[in-house]
Amino acid sequence: VEAGGGDADREVERGFSRITYKVSIDSPNLPDAIQSIVEAATRRCPAFVSAARSIPIEVSILLNDKNLGMKTYDRRNK
């Protein structure tokens, strides 16, 4: 927010519409094991869960430079 510049002369909604994470992992573990760890982290991390209650979080996983896919966590209605 800039004082006297940008949108300072009118009221507009501020904030983010989404948080995006790209997680790169180098590991000998199988993709299912890595996805299981990421899933557990998204359920157990208080900061992640708190943020997901307010805004969708998109997580992409790269395992040894191979894309394992993307998932959006959106807990706004829970």
C-alpha atoms as a PDB file:
ATOM      1  CA  VAL A   1       0.000   0.000   0.000  1.00  0.00           C
ATOM      2  CA  GLU A   2       1.514   3.250  -1.104  1.00  0.00           C
ATOM      3  CA  ALA A   3       0.614   6.466   0.682  1.00  0.00           C
ATOM      4  CA  GLY A   4      -0.761   8.884  -1.909  1.00  0.00           C
ATOM      5  CA  GLY A   5      -0.150   6.542  -4.849  1.00  0.00           C
ATOM      6  CA  GLY A   6      -1.659   3.557  -6.563  1.00  0.00           C
ATOM      7  CA  ASP A   7      -5.114   2.864  -5.155  1.00  0.00           C
ATOM      8  CA  ALA A   8      -4.757   5.202  -2.180  1.00  0.00           C
ATOM      9  CA  ASP A   9      -7.634   7.418  -3.361  1.00  0.00           C
ATOM     10  CA  ARG A  10     -10.189   4.570  -3.392  1.00  0.00           C
ATOM     11  CA  GLU A  11     -11.003   1.595  -1.218  1.00  0.00           C
ATOM     12  CA  VAL A  12     -10.183  -1.724  -2.880  1.00  0.00           C
ATOM     13  CA  GLU A  13     -10.023  -5.233  -1.491  1.00  0.00           C
ATOM     14  CA  ARG A  14      -6.476  -6.225  -0.648  1.00  0.00           C
ATOM     15  CA  GLY A  15      -4.916  -9.613  -0.096  1.00  0.00           C
ATOM     16  CA  PHE A  16      -3.912 -12.773  -1.861  1.00  0.00           C
ATOM     17  CA  SER A  17      -6.125 -15.095  -3.889  1.00  0.00           C
ATOM     18  CA  ARG A  18      -3.827 -18.131  -3.563  1.00  0.00           C
ATOM     19  CA  ILE A  19      -0.502 -19.264  -2.115  1.00  0.00           C
ATOM     20  CA  THR A  20       1.618 -21.465  -4.376  1.00  0.00           C
ATOM     21  CA  TYR A  21       4.411 -23.773  -3.208  1.00  0.00           C
ATOM     22  CA  LYS A  22       6.770 -25.734  -5.409  1.00  0.00           C
ATOM     23  CA  VAL A  23       8.450 -28.420  -3.297  1.00  0.00           C
ATOM     24  CA  SER A  24      11.618 -29.964  -4.765  1.00  0.00           C
ATOM     25  CA  ILE A  25      12.820 -33.155  -3.108  1.00  0.00           C
ATOM     26  CA  ASP A  26      15.870 -35.278  -3.888  1.00  0.00           C
ATOM     27  CA  SER A  27      15.339 -38.697  -2.350  1.00  0.00           C
ATOM     28  CA  PRO A  28      15.723 -42.413  -3.058  1.00  0.00           C
ATOM     29  CA  ASN A  29      12.196 -42.941  -1.634  1.00  0.00           C
ATOM     30  CA  LEU A  30       9.316 -43.929  -3.905  1.00  0.00           C
ATOM     31  CA  PRO A  31       6.790 -41.283  -5.048  1.00  0.00           C
ATOM     32  CA  ASP A  32       4.029 -42.743  -2.838  1.00  0.00           C
ATOM     33  CA  ALA A  33       6.215 -42.352   0.259  1.00  0.00           C
ATOM     34  CA  ILE A  34       7.015 -38.731  -0.605  1.00  0.00           C
ATOM     35  CA  GLN A  35       3.367 -37.876  -1.263  1.00  0.00           C
ATOM     36  CA  SER A  36       2.421 -39.494   2.038  1.00  0.00           C
ATOM     37  CA  ILE A  37       4.940 -37.308   3.883  1.00  0.00           C
ATOM     38  CA  VAL A  38       3.654 -34.155   2.170  1.00  0.00           C
ATOM     39  CA  GLU A  39       0.040 -35.101   2.965  1.00  0.00           C
ATOM     40  CA  ALA A  40       0.933 -35.617   6.637  1.00  0.00           C
ATOM     41  CA  ALA A  41       2.714 -32.263   6.739  1.00  0.00           C
ATOM     42  CA  THR A  42      -0.316 -30.445   5.295  1.00  0.00           C
ATOM     43  CA  ARG A  43      -2.505 -31.925   8.049  1.00  0.00           C
ATOM     44  CA  ARG A  44      -0.091 -31.522  10.972  1.00  0.00           C
ATOM     45  CA  CYS A  45       1.592 -28.157  10.382  1.00  0.00           C
ATOM     46  CA  PRO A  46      -0.355 -25.522  12.373  1.00  0.00           C
ATOM     47  CA  ALA A  47       0.824 -22.675  10.127  1.00  0.00           C
ATOM     48  CA  PHE A  48      -0.222 -24.499   6.940  1.00  0.00           C
ATOM     49  CA  VAL A  49      -3.633 -25.482   8.323  1.00  0.00           C
ATOM     50  CA  SER A  50      -4.265 -21.953   9.639  1.00  0.00           C
ATOM     51  CA  ALA A  51      -3.354 -20.397   6.299  1.00  0.00           C
ATOM     52  CA  ALA A  52      -5.483 -22.915   4.345  1.00  0.00           C
ATOM     53  CA  ARG A  53      -8.501 -21.835   6.432  1.00  0.00           C
ATOM     54  CA  SER A  54      -8.169 -18.371   4.902  1.00  0.00           C
ATOM     55  CA  ILE A  55      -6.777 -18.915   1.413  1.00  0.00           C
ATOM     56  CA  PRO A  56      -6.281 -21.824  -1.008  1.00  0.00           C
ATOM     57  CA  ILE A  57      -2.756 -23.247  -1.030  1.00  0.00           C
ATOM     58  CA  GLU A  58      -1.469 -24.940  -4.168  1.00  0.00           C
ATOM     59  CA  VAL A  59       1.370 -27.449  -3.667  1.00  0.00           C
ATOM     60  CA  SER A  60       3.398 -28.935  -6.525  1.00  0.00           C
ATOM     61  CA  ILE A  61       5.875 -31.713  -5.793  1.00  0.00           C
ATOM     62  CA  LEU A  62       9.031 -32.445  -7.780  1.00  0.00           C
ATOM     63  CA  LEU A  63      10.808 -35.655  -6.806  1.00  0.00           C
ATOM     64  CA  ASN A  64      14.274 -35.988  -8.320  1.00  0.00           C
ATOM     65  CA  ASP A  65      13.182 -33.457 -10.982  1.00  0.00           C
ATOM     66  CA  LYS A  66      10.068 -35.527 -11.847  1.00  0.00           C
ATOM     67  CA  ASN A  67       6.722 -33.783 -11.446  1.00  0.00           C
ATOM     68  CA  LEU A  68       4.466 -35.752  -9.077  1.00  0.00           C
ATOM     69  CA  GLY A  69       1.561 -33.390  -9.614  1.00  0.00           C
ATOM     70  CA  MET A  70      -0.222 -30.529  -7.921  1.00  0.00           C
ATOM     71  CA  LYS A  71      -2.916 -30.400  -5.253  1.00  0.00           C
ATOM     72  CA  THR A  72      -4.875 -27.463  -3.871  1.00  0.00           C
ATOM     73  CA  TYR A  73      -5.655 -27.375  -0.151  1.00  0.00           C
ATOM     74  CA  ASP A  74      -8.647 -25.185   0.615  1.00  0.00           C
ATOM     75  CA  ARG A  75     -10.079 -25.420   4.131  1.00  0.00           C
ATOM     76  CA  ARG A  76     -12.144 -22.218   4.041  1.00  0.00           C
ATOM     77  CA  ASN A  77     -15.440 -24.111   4.455  1.00  0.00           C
ATOM     78  CA  LYS A  78     -14.346 -26.553   7.158  1.00  0.00           C
END
